[in-house]
Amino acid sequence: MGTQETLVTPENIQNKLDNIRPGDIVVFSPGLYTAPLLLKDKYGTSEAPIRLIAEAGAIITMYNQGLKSCTEIEFFEQHRLRANKVAKGIQDMGKFPKTTNAIHDAMFTLDNSEHISLEGFMFEKTWPTHVFINNCRHISVTNCEFRDGTFAVGASGENTHDIHIQSCSWVQDTISGRMWSEIEWKRIHGDIPEHNVDVKNDFRLFDGSFFRGKSIAGDVTISKCKIHSAFNAIRLTRHGPNSNMLSHNILVHDCSFYEIKDNILEPEEGGSNWTFKNNIIEKSYRPIALETKQKGRYKNFLIQGNAFDLRDKPGPPTETHDKPAVFKVTSLDSITDCSVIFTKNTIYADRLVSSNISGSDLQKVNKILLREPNELHLLNGVHNQS
């Protein structure tokens, strides 16, 4: 076992990945890498990790893969309509028209591997997924730039843990301001009875997130990242008989989020030991989603030192999802018997909690969430807790 540095091209990269060894450093030379890449059953070690490094000009993209004489606009439209048709078919079967099942369809897949790092890559013009991590441990993604895609990084498998994403950026909608100001929320994520999927006019290909975890163990750190013009940011779900052992130890810190059409932090079905701190949020619909209908599902959640500016309302004049709030809480039960500490945050917004809760339940939810000091600048004036 030793360190071997190899310079690769689009023509020979897969052969190198098939024969990679612990300690190897693979450098991607400038060029367009348009064939899906797979790293499977490869095991670096803590002392001899496998490093994949991109030189400037090395771009991983599916643009024009199998498509001839296709403009960038035509490329986008083909994938938009394709996603809409898939969503329509799912809705016609009586199910929610979600895109989650597409996360495995990626340009770069890491499967049953460990101690791997991706460094300095540009991922663009790829739908639905840029990077997919399945049953892997000790994976780092640093200094990478993601443009478009339904998912920047997807992960699945109960044995997936220790994922570190640092100093990366993602712009999901590369047309500035379109998703936030021009597209209605329902055209990305709406369902019956509010909305029947419209194959011609919807944008279901945006119904994704920067990091999407499906029933993973956890130990995920996302730091110093910039997520802009996107639908969701960090979303994890957990299912099955071992669900209480999943979605643990999630840390998101020192990131910036701008024009997030739906949620930034979404621990569906709950989780434990989540920390969201020192982040900057500007223009977001409902940054923190606590929606499970079961009591006691959120354990040791700390939301601290963040700056929320939610004064800008999303959508065109026809938008119905246009009342931003820091928290999306489905019911009082969602945060009953939970340990959620919300402290030392600065908030500029019309409301703290989503408007679907009112009356005495809203008072109880506010009391639970505001046990610790925060600086609140709400619709009816300045409310400074001390």
Protein backbone atom coordinates (compact mmCIF):
# COMPACT_ATOMS: atom_id res chain seq x y z
CA MET A 1 0.00 0.00 0.00
CA GLY A 2 1.40 3.40 -0.98
CA THR A 3 0.48 6.77 -2.37
CA GLN A 4 0.21 6.85 -6.14
CA GLU A 5 -0.85 10.00 -7.97
CA THR A 6 -2.44 9.51 -11.39
CA LEU A 7 -3.62 12.06 -13.93
CA VAL A 8 -6.73 10.86 -15.74
CA THR A 9 -8.85 11.98 -18.68
CA PRO A 10 -12.52 11.46 -19.58
CA GLU A 11 -11.45 8.47 -21.69
CA ASN A 12 -9.68 6.48 -18.96
CA ILE A 13 -11.24 7.63 -15.69
CA GLN A 14 -13.58 4.68 -15.16
CA ASN A 15 -10.77 2.18 -15.65
CA LYS A 16 -8.79 3.95 -12.96
CA LEU A 17 -11.75 4.00 -10.58
CA ASP A 18 -12.19 0.27 -11.10
CA ASN A 19 -8.58 -0.36 -10.06
CA ILE A 20 -8.07 2.26 -7.38
CA ARG A 21 -6.19 1.39 -4.18
CA PRO A 22 -5.95 2.84 -0.67
CA GLY A 23 -3.77 5.95 -0.66
CA ASP A 24 -4.24 6.68 -4.35
CA ILE A 25 -4.65 10.27 -5.53
CA VAL A 26 -6.55 10.58 -8.79
CA VAL A 27 -6.35 13.95 -10.51
CA PHE A 28 -9.01 14.75 -13.12
CA SER A 29 -7.46 16.70 -15.98
CA PRO A 30 -9.48 19.49 -17.64
CA GLY A 31 -12.30 18.25 -19.85
CA LEU A 32 -15.95 17.21 -19.93
CA TYR A 33 -16.67 13.99 -18.06
CA THR A 34 -20.01 13.04 -19.62
CA ALA A 35 -20.24 9.34 -18.77
CA PRO A 36 -21.72 8.31 -15.38
CA LEU A 37 -18.95 7.37 -12.94
CA LEU A 38 -19.02 4.56 -10.37
CA LEU A 39 -16.76 3.89 -7.42
CA LYS A 40 -17.84 0.58 -5.89
CA ASP A 41 -16.39 -1.57 -3.11
CA LYS A 42 -13.31 0.62 -2.67
CA TYR A 43 -11.85 1.07 0.77
CA GLY A 44 -9.43 3.76 1.74
CA THR A 45 -8.34 4.01 5.35
CA SER A 46 -7.96 6.87 7.79
CA GLU A 47 -4.19 6.72 7.19
CA ALA A 48 -4.47 6.16 3.43
CA PRO A 49 -7.67 7.74 2.11
CA ILE A 50 -8.58 7.70 -1.57
CA ARG A 51 -8.52 11.27 -2.92
CA LEU A 52 -10.24 12.35 -6.12
CA ILE A 53 -9.12 15.86 -7.10
CA ALA A 54 -10.33 18.00 -9.99
CA GLU A 55 -8.08 20.39 -11.83
CA ALA A 56 -9.61 23.66 -13.02
CA GLY A 57 -11.70 22.95 -16.10
CA ALA A 58 -12.64 19.39 -15.12
CA ILE A 59 -16.44 19.36 -15.36
CA ILE A 60 -18.78 16.46 -14.62
CA THR A 61 -21.91 16.90 -16.70
CA MET A 62 -24.50 14.92 -18.61
CA TYR A 63 -25.13 17.74 -21.09
CA ASN A 64 -25.42 16.31 -24.61
CA GLN A 65 -24.98 12.80 -23.26
CA GLY A 66 -26.94 10.81 -25.83
CA LEU A 67 -28.48 14.01 -27.19
CA LYS A 68 -27.37 15.56 -30.46
CA SER A 69 -27.89 19.15 -31.62
CA CYS A 70 -29.46 20.05 -28.28
CA THR A 71 -29.27 23.60 -26.90
CA GLU A 72 -29.02 24.23 -23.17
CA ILE A 73 -32.63 25.49 -23.13
CA GLU A 74 -33.82 22.37 -24.96
CA PHE A 75 -31.83 20.22 -22.55
CA PHE A 76 -33.52 21.84 -19.55
CA GLU A 77 -36.96 21.58 -21.13
CA GLN A 78 -36.52 17.88 -21.89
CA HIS A 79 -35.75 17.15 -18.26
CA ARG A 80 -38.47 19.47 -16.95
CA LEU A 81 -41.12 17.72 -19.01
CA ARG A 82 -39.71 14.30 -18.13
CA ALA A 83 -39.93 15.04 -14.41
CA ASN A 84 -43.47 16.37 -14.82
CA LYS A 85 -44.56 13.22 -16.64
CA VAL A 86 -43.11 11.01 -13.91
CA ALA A 87 -44.85 13.07 -11.22
CA LYS A 88 -48.13 12.93 -13.14
CA GLY A 89 -47.92 9.13 -13.41
CA ILE A 90 -47.30 8.80 -9.67
CA GLN A 91 -50.18 11.13 -8.85
CA ASP A 92 -52.51 9.20 -11.17
CA MET A 93 -51.77 6.10 -9.06
CA GLY A 94 -53.09 7.91 -6.00
CA LYS A 95 -49.66 8.64 -4.51
CA PHE A 96 -47.85 11.86 -3.69
CA PRO A 97 -45.99 13.02 -6.84
CA LYS A 98 -42.49 13.01 -5.34
CA THR A 99 -39.07 12.84 -6.97
CA THR A 100 -37.20 11.12 -4.13
CA ASN A 101 -36.93 7.79 -5.92
CA ALA A 102 -34.67 9.45 -8.49
CA ILE A 103 -31.76 10.21 -6.14
CA HIS A 104 -29.92 7.03 -7.23
CA ASP A 105 -29.83 8.26 -10.84
CA ALA A 106 -26.55 10.16 -10.54
CA MET A 107 -23.53 11.18 -12.56
CA PHE A 108 -21.13 10.11 -9.80
CA THR A 109 -22.06 7.16 -7.56
CA LEU A 110 -20.12 5.97 -4.51
CA ASP A 111 -21.32 2.52 -3.48
CA ASN A 112 -20.22 0.50 -0.44
CA SER A 113 -16.96 2.39 -0.08
CA GLU A 114 -15.16 4.32 2.63
CA HIS A 115 -12.56 6.99 3.29
CA ILE A 116 -13.10 8.71 -0.07
CA SER A 117 -12.80 12.43 -0.76
CA LEU A 118 -14.05 14.49 -3.70
CA GLU A 119 -12.19 17.79 -3.97
CA GLY A 120 -12.67 20.82 -6.20
CA PHE A 121 -15.17 19.44 -8.72
CA MET A 122 -17.60 21.34 -10.91
CA PHE A 123 -20.91 19.52 -11.43
CA GLU A 124 -23.40 21.05 -13.84
CA LYS A 125 -26.21 20.35 -16.31
CA THR A 126 -27.14 17.06 -14.68
CA TRP A 127 -30.60 15.78 -13.77
CA PRO A 128 -31.67 14.47 -11.41
CA THR A 129 -28.62 13.85 -9.17
CA HIS A 130 -24.99 14.95 -9.19
CA VAL A 131 -23.50 12.71 -6.46
CA PHE A 132 -25.13 9.65 -4.88
CA ILE A 133 -23.66 7.94 -1.80
CA ASN A 134 -24.97 4.46 -0.96
CA ASN A 135 -23.90 2.45 2.10
CA CYS A 136 -20.65 4.38 2.48
CA ARG A 137 -18.62 5.61 5.43
CA HIS A 138 -16.21 8.51 5.88
CA ILE A 139 -16.95 10.42 2.68
CA SER A 140 -15.91 14.05 2.25
CA VAL A 141 -16.99 16.50 -0.42
CA THR A 142 -15.03 19.76 -0.31
CA ASN A 143 -14.70 22.87 -2.45
CA CYS A 144 -17.15 21.57 -5.04
CA GLU A 145 -19.54 23.66 -7.09
CA PHE A 146 -22.95 22.29 -8.06
CA ARG A 147 -25.19 23.96 -10.62
CA ASP A 148 -28.75 22.79 -11.34
CA GLY A 149 -29.91 19.24 -10.60
CA THR A 150 -32.79 18.00 -8.48
CA PHE A 151 -30.28 16.82 -5.85
CA ALA A 152 -26.70 17.95 -5.34
CA VAL A 153 -25.81 15.10 -2.97
CA GLY A 154 -28.06 12.13 -2.20
CA ALA A 155 -27.35 9.44 0.38
CA SER A 156 -29.06 6.21 1.38
CA GLY A 157 -28.42 3.08 3.41
CA GLU A 158 -28.52 2.37 7.12
CA ASN A 159 -24.74 1.85 7.04
CA THR A 160 -24.08 5.31 5.63
CA HIS A 161 -22.42 7.62 8.14
CA ASP A 162 -19.65 10.19 8.58
CA ILE A 163 -20.43 12.38 5.58
CA HIS A 164 -18.65 15.73 5.52
CA ILE A 165 -19.60 18.44 3.02
CA GLN A 166 -17.55 21.61 3.33
CA SER A 167 -17.09 24.83 1.38
CA CYS A 168 -19.40 23.77 -1.43
CA SER A 169 -22.01 25.75 -3.33
CA TRP A 170 -25.27 24.91 -5.10
CA VAL A 171 -27.40 27.06 -7.36
CA GLN A 172 -30.34 24.88 -8.31
CA ASP A 173 -32.15 27.31 -10.61
CA THR A 174 -29.49 29.05 -12.66
CA ILE A 175 -31.93 31.69 -13.94
CA SER A 176 -31.67 34.36 -11.26
CA GLY A 177 -34.85 35.04 -9.30
CA ARG A 178 -37.08 32.71 -11.31
CA MET A 179 -37.85 30.08 -8.67
CA TRP A 180 -38.32 32.55 -5.83
CA SER A 181 -40.34 35.21 -7.66
CA GLU A 182 -41.96 33.65 -10.73
CA ILE A 183 -42.78 29.97 -10.08
CA GLU A 184 -45.65 29.06 -7.77
CA TRP A 185 -44.78 26.66 -4.95
CA LYS A 186 -47.50 24.23 -6.07
CA ARG A 187 -45.86 23.84 -9.50
CA ILE A 188 -42.88 22.22 -7.79
CA HIS A 189 -44.44 20.33 -4.87
CA GLY A 190 -48.22 20.67 -4.98
CA ASP A 191 -50.67 17.76 -4.84
CA ILE A 192 -54.38 17.08 -4.97
CA PRO A 193 -56.67 18.80 -3.98
CA GLU A 194 -54.61 21.98 -4.28
CA HIS A 195 -52.99 21.07 -7.57
CA ASN A 196 -53.13 18.44 -10.27
CA VAL A 197 -49.73 17.92 -11.84
CA ASP A 198 -49.55 20.00 -15.01
CA VAL A 199 -47.13 18.28 -17.39
CA LYS A 200 -46.85 21.33 -19.60
CA ASN A 201 -46.30 24.04 -17.00
CA ASP A 202 -44.94 22.49 -13.77
CA PHE A 203 -41.31 22.44 -12.59
CA ARG A 204 -41.11 19.09 -10.76
CA LEU A 205 -37.42 18.75 -11.54
CA PHE A 206 -36.79 21.37 -8.80
CA ASP A 207 -38.48 19.23 -6.12
CA GLY A 208 -35.22 18.21 -4.45
CA SER A 209 -32.55 19.42 -2.03
CA PHE A 210 -28.86 20.14 -1.60
CA PHE A 211 -28.45 17.12 0.69
CA ARG A 212 -31.06 14.35 0.69
CA GLY A 213 -30.69 11.48 3.12
CA LYS A 214 -32.90 8.38 2.94
CA SER A 215 -32.74 6.23 6.07
CA ILE A 216 -29.06 6.84 6.77
CA ALA A 217 -27.36 6.34 10.13
CA GLY A 218 -26.20 9.95 10.29
CA ASP A 219 -23.04 11.72 11.49
CA VAL A 220 -23.37 14.32 8.73
CA THR A 221 -21.59 17.68 8.83
CA ILE A 222 -22.40 20.44 6.35
CA SER A 223 -20.29 23.55 6.87
CA LYS A 224 -19.37 26.78 5.09
CA CYS A 225 -21.63 26.00 2.14
CA LYS A 226 -23.68 28.40 0.01
CA ILE A 227 -27.09 27.18 -1.15
CA HIS A 228 -28.94 29.64 -3.37
CA SER A 229 -32.07 29.63 -5.54
CA ALA A 230 -33.20 26.18 -4.46
CA PHE A 231 -36.36 24.44 -3.29
CA ASN A 232 -34.99 22.63 -0.21
CA ALA A 233 -31.58 22.48 1.45
CA ILE A 234 -31.09 19.65 3.99
CA ARG A 235 -33.76 16.95 4.15
CA LEU A 236 -33.56 13.55 5.83
CA THR A 237 -36.19 10.85 6.15
CA ARG A 238 -36.13 7.60 8.08
CA HIS A 239 -38.29 4.53 7.65
CA GLY A 240 -38.41 0.89 8.64
CA PRO A 241 -37.98 -1.11 11.86
CA ASN A 242 -34.67 0.61 12.69
CA SER A 243 -35.93 4.14 12.11
CA ASN A 244 -35.26 5.28 15.69
CA MET A 245 -31.57 4.51 15.14
CA LEU A 246 -31.31 6.68 12.02
CA SER A 247 -30.89 10.39 11.26
CA HIS A 248 -28.56 10.97 14.23
CA ASN A 249 -25.86 13.60 14.74
CA ILE A 250 -26.50 16.17 12.02
CA LEU A 251 -24.48 19.40 12.18
CA VAL A 252 -25.08 22.37 9.86
CA HIS A 253 -23.03 25.47 10.57
CA ASP A 254 -21.63 28.64 9.02
CA CYS A 255 -23.63 28.25 5.82
CA SER A 256 -25.62 30.78 3.82
CA PHE A 257 -29.06 30.12 2.37
CA TYR A 258 -30.66 32.50 -0.11
CA GLU A 259 -34.01 32.22 -1.88
CA ILE A 260 -35.01 28.80 -0.54
CA LYS A 261 -38.53 28.22 -1.83
CA ASP A 262 -39.58 25.69 0.84
CA ASN A 263 -37.52 24.41 3.82
CA ILE A 264 -33.86 24.59 4.82
CA LEU A 265 -33.78 22.02 7.64
CA GLU A 266 -36.26 19.17 7.30
CA PRO A 267 -35.89 16.19 9.67
CA GLU A 268 -38.88 14.17 8.49
CA GLU A 269 -40.02 11.49 10.94
CA GLY A 270 -37.69 13.05 13.53
CA GLY A 271 -34.07 12.55 14.54
CA SER A 272 -31.64 13.17 17.37
CA ASN A 273 -28.66 15.41 18.06
CA TRP A 274 -29.22 17.96 15.31
CA THR A 275 -27.42 21.30 15.48
CA PHE A 276 -28.11 24.26 13.20
CA LYS A 277 -25.93 27.20 14.15
CA ASN A 278 -24.27 30.37 12.89
CA ASN A 279 -26.05 30.28 9.54
CA ILE A 280 -27.38 33.18 7.48
CA ILE A 281 -30.86 32.82 6.00
CA GLU A 282 -32.25 35.43 3.61
CA LYS A 283 -35.49 34.83 1.73
CA SER A 284 -36.88 31.47 2.75
CA TYR A 285 -40.48 30.27 3.05
CA ARG A 286 -40.35 28.00 6.12
CA PRO A 287 -36.68 27.39 7.08
CA ILE A 288 -37.20 24.91 9.94
CA ALA A 289 -39.77 22.14 9.32
CA LEU A 290 -40.95 20.13 12.35
CA GLU A 291 -43.83 18.22 10.86
CA THR A 292 -44.02 14.72 12.27
CA LYS A 293 -47.42 13.95 13.80
CA GLN A 294 -45.94 11.74 16.52
CA LYS A 295 -44.88 13.14 19.88
CA GLY A 296 -41.31 13.05 21.09
CA ARG A 297 -39.62 12.54 17.72
CA TYR A 298 -37.15 15.46 17.91
CA LYS A 299 -34.40 14.78 20.44
CA ASN A 300 -31.63 17.24 21.33
CA PHE A 301 -32.21 19.81 18.60
CA LEU A 302 -30.19 23.01 18.95
CA ILE A 303 -30.91 26.01 16.71
CA GLN A 304 -28.51 28.73 17.79
CA GLY A 305 -26.92 31.94 16.60
CA ASN A 306 -28.58 32.11 13.20
CA ALA A 307 -29.75 35.22 11.35
CA PHE A 308 -33.17 34.90 9.68
CA ASP A 309 -34.39 37.60 7.29
CA LEU A 310 -37.77 36.45 6.00
CA ARG A 311 -39.29 39.80 5.09
CA ASP A 312 -39.42 39.11 1.35
CA LYS A 313 -42.48 37.14 0.23
CA PRO A 314 -42.02 34.43 -2.40
CA GLY A 315 -43.86 33.86 -5.64
CA PRO A 316 -45.86 35.75 -8.27
CA PRO A 317 -49.12 37.56 -7.36
CA THR A 318 -51.01 34.26 -7.66
CA GLU A 319 -48.85 32.54 -5.02
CA THR A 320 -50.77 31.03 -2.09
CA HIS A 321 -47.67 29.86 -0.19
CA ASP A 322 -46.58 33.42 0.50
CA LYS A 323 -46.49 33.78 4.30
CA PRO A 324 -42.93 33.05 5.49
CA ALA A 325 -42.30 31.88 9.04
CA VAL A 326 -39.21 30.56 10.82
CA PHE A 327 -40.93 27.29 11.77
CA LYS A 328 -43.27 25.03 9.85
CA VAL A 329 -45.07 23.13 12.60
CA THR A 330 -47.95 20.86 11.60
CA SER A 331 -49.57 20.66 15.05
CA LEU A 332 -48.87 21.01 18.73
CA ASP A 333 -48.12 17.27 18.85
CA SER A 334 -45.20 17.84 16.45
CA ILE A 335 -43.08 19.41 19.18
CA THR A 336 -44.69 17.94 22.31
CA ASP A 337 -42.31 15.90 24.49
CA CYS A 338 -39.40 17.03 22.31
CA SER A 339 -36.13 18.74 23.20
CA VAL A 340 -35.77 21.69 20.83
CA ILE A 341 -33.64 24.63 21.99
CA PHE A 342 -34.00 27.80 19.94
CA THR A 343 -31.63 30.44 21.26
CA LYS A 344 -29.53 33.51 20.40
CA ASN A 345 -31.06 33.84 16.95
CA THR A 346 -31.95 37.09 15.20
CA ILE A 347 -35.24 37.04 13.30
CA TYR A 348 -36.84 39.53 10.93
CA ALA A 349 -40.18 38.03 9.88
CA ASP A 350 -43.94 38.44 9.97
CA ARG A 351 -44.33 35.42 12.21
CA LEU A 352 -42.35 32.80 14.10
CA VAL A 353 -44.61 29.81 13.42
CA SER A 354 -46.54 28.86 10.26
CA SER A 355 -50.08 30.20 10.10
CA ASN A 356 -51.79 26.78 10.09
CA ILE A 357 -51.57 26.79 13.92
CA SER A 358 -53.66 29.31 15.84
CA GLY A 359 -55.33 30.04 19.16
CA SER A 360 -54.19 28.30 22.33
CA ASP A 361 -52.10 25.77 20.37
CA LEU A 362 -50.08 28.61 18.85
CA GLN A 363 -49.49 30.10 22.29
CA LYS A 364 -48.25 26.74 23.57
CA VAL A 365 -45.96 26.25 20.54
CA ASN A 366 -44.50 29.75 20.99
CA LYS A 367 -43.91 29.05 24.68
CA ILE A 368 -42.04 25.83 23.86
CA LEU A 369 -39.90 27.45 21.17
CA LEU A 370 -39.15 30.69 23.04
CA ARG A 371 -37.90 29.35 26.34
CA GLU A 372 -34.45 30.76 25.58
CA PRO A 373 -33.48 34.33 24.57
CA ASN A 374 -33.68 35.44 20.94
CA GLU A 375 -33.89 38.78 19.20
CA LEU A 376 -37.27 38.89 17.48
CA HIS A 377 -38.38 41.57 15.03
CA LEU A 378 -41.91 40.49 14.18
CA LEU A 379 -44.84 42.04 12.30
CA ASN A 380 -46.36 43.80 15.30
CA GLY A 381 -43.16 45.49 16.39
CA VAL A 382 -39.81 44.64 17.93
CA HIS A 383 -39.86 41.85 20.51
CA ASN A 384 -36.51 41.52 22.23
CA GLN A 385 -36.25 38.64 24.63
CA SER A 386 -33.72 38.88 27.40
